[in-house]
């Protein structure tokens, strides 16, 4: 089983780094024998805020995270980064959860590949 950790740092909209990370994570998580974990930190924690409303035809990171979560991927959000941005546990998408730097450390040791966006 291949183990890949994605670490996202960028805001949800404005650049396409988080979007592209989620596209790749979604694609990889559908492959047999692949195990994927995502960790959002810095401005990227806003990617997992529920209730996003984007223009019709524009990508929606909330929906993309949900699709990855439904494949069984673990999704952690830096709790310190959430606090700094005023995002409460009750405001995050299903399938994601607050996490810690200690857990990111463990996930980094677990991973065979770490992709940083």
Protein backbone atom coordinates (compact mmCIF):
# COMPACT_ATOMS: atom_id res chain seq x y z
CA UNK A 1 0.00 0.00 0.00
CA UNK A 2 1.40 3.40 -1.01
CA UNK A 3 1.03 6.16 1.58
CA UNK A 4 0.86 9.80 0.49
CA UNK A 5 0.51 12.86 2.69
CA UNK A 6 -0.63 16.15 1.19
CA UNK A 7 0.18 19.31 3.14
CA UNK A 8 -1.78 22.36 1.98
CA UNK A 9 -0.83 25.92 2.94
CA UNK A 10 -2.64 28.26 0.54
CA UNK A 11 -5.99 29.99 0.84
CA UNK A 12 -8.96 28.33 -0.85
CA UNK A 13 -9.36 30.86 -3.64
CA UNK A 14 -6.91 33.29 -5.19
CA UNK A 15 -4.29 30.75 -6.22
CA UNK A 16 -4.98 27.30 -7.56
CA UNK A 17 -2.52 25.41 -5.33
CA UNK A 18 -5.16 24.08 -2.93
CA UNK A 19 -7.48 23.29 -5.84
CA UNK A 20 -4.76 21.35 -7.64
CA UNK A 21 -3.75 19.52 -4.47
CA UNK A 22 -7.34 18.40 -3.97
CA UNK A 23 -7.65 17.35 -7.61
CA UNK A 24 -4.57 15.14 -7.28
CA UNK A 25 -5.56 13.82 -3.84
CA UNK A 26 -9.01 12.94 -5.16
CA UNK A 27 -7.58 11.12 -8.15
CA UNK A 28 -4.95 9.28 -6.12
CA UNK A 29 -7.41 8.27 -3.40
CA UNK A 30 -9.48 6.36 -5.98
CA UNK A 31 -6.55 4.11 -6.96
CA UNK A 32 -6.45 0.67 -5.38
CA UNK A 33 -3.57 0.30 -2.97
CA UNK A 34 -3.25 4.03 -2.30
CA UNK A 35 -3.77 5.57 1.12
CA UNK A 36 -4.09 9.36 1.29
CA UNK A 37 -4.03 11.83 4.15
CA UNK A 38 -4.44 15.60 3.92
CA UNK A 39 -3.29 18.19 6.40
CA UNK A 40 -4.39 21.83 6.04
CA UNK A 41 -2.41 24.57 7.76
CA UNK A 42 -2.09 28.34 7.57
CA UNK A 43 -4.64 29.93 5.28
CA UNK A 44 -5.50 26.50 3.84
CA UNK A 45 -7.69 25.71 6.86
CA UNK A 46 -10.26 28.02 5.24
CA UNK A 47 -10.58 25.47 2.42
CA UNK A 48 -12.50 23.24 4.82
CA UNK A 49 -15.00 25.86 6.00
CA UNK A 50 -18.54 24.68 5.45
CA UNK A 51 -21.18 26.72 3.67
CA UNK A 52 -19.02 27.97 0.80
CA UNK A 53 -20.94 29.79 -1.92
CA UNK A 54 -19.04 30.26 -5.15
CA UNK A 55 -20.19 31.54 -8.54
CA UNK A 56 -21.96 28.99 -10.72
CA UNK A 57 -19.46 26.98 -12.73
CA UNK A 58 -16.58 27.77 -10.33
CA UNK A 59 -14.90 25.01 -8.33
CA UNK A 60 -16.00 24.52 -4.73
CA UNK A 61 -13.31 23.25 -2.37
CA UNK A 62 -15.84 22.25 0.27
CA UNK A 63 -17.35 19.76 -2.18
CA UNK A 64 -13.93 18.57 -3.32
CA UNK A 65 -12.84 17.86 0.27
CA UNK A 66 -16.06 15.93 0.84
CA UNK A 67 -15.35 13.71 -2.17
CA UNK A 68 -11.84 12.92 -0.92
CA UNK A 69 -13.16 12.23 2.59
CA UNK A 70 -15.70 9.77 1.23
CA UNK A 71 -12.84 7.66 -0.19
CA UNK A 72 -11.64 7.12 3.39
CA UNK A 73 -8.83 9.69 3.39
CA UNK A 74 -7.98 11.19 6.76
CA UNK A 75 -8.21 14.99 6.78
CA UNK A 76 -6.70 17.11 9.53
CA UNK A 77 -6.83 20.86 10.06
CA UNK A 78 -4.25 22.67 12.16
CA UNK A 79 -6.19 23.68 15.27
CA UNK A 80 -3.89 26.62 16.00
CA UNK A 81 -4.40 27.90 12.45
CA UNK A 82 -8.18 27.48 12.81
CA UNK A 83 -8.13 29.48 16.06
CA UNK A 84 -6.07 32.26 14.46
CA UNK A 85 -8.66 32.58 11.69
CA UNK A 86 -11.71 32.33 13.94
CA UNK A 87 -12.91 29.01 12.48
CA UNK A 88 -14.79 26.89 15.02
CA UNK A 89 -14.94 23.09 14.99
CA UNK A 90 -18.64 23.35 14.13
CA UNK A 91 -17.86 25.30 10.95
CA UNK A 92 -15.77 22.69 9.15
CA UNK A 93 -16.84 20.24 6.47
CA UNK A 94 -17.85 16.69 7.23
CA UNK A 95 -14.90 14.34 7.07
CA UNK A 96 -12.35 16.89 8.30
CA UNK A 97 -11.36 17.44 11.91
CA UNK A 98 -9.14 19.70 13.99
CA UNK A 99 -5.65 18.32 14.40
CA UNK A 100 -2.22 19.21 15.78
CA UNK A 101 1.37 19.63 14.73
CA UNK A 102 2.13 16.46 16.70
CA UNK A 103 -0.28 14.53 14.47
CA UNK A 104 1.27 16.08 11.36
CA UNK A 105 4.63 14.84 12.66
CA UNK A 106 3.25 11.31 13.04
CA UNK A 107 1.64 11.45 9.59
CA UNK A 108 4.92 12.63 8.07
CA UNK A 109 6.71 9.63 9.60
CA UNK A 110 3.93 7.35 8.29
CA UNK A 111 4.08 8.68 4.72
CA UNK A 112 6.20 7.33 1.91
CA UNK A 113 5.61 10.54 -0.06
CA UNK A 114 4.87 14.03 1.23
CA UNK A 115 3.51 16.53 -1.28
CA UNK A 116 3.43 20.17 -0.18
CA UNK A 117 1.18 22.72 -1.87
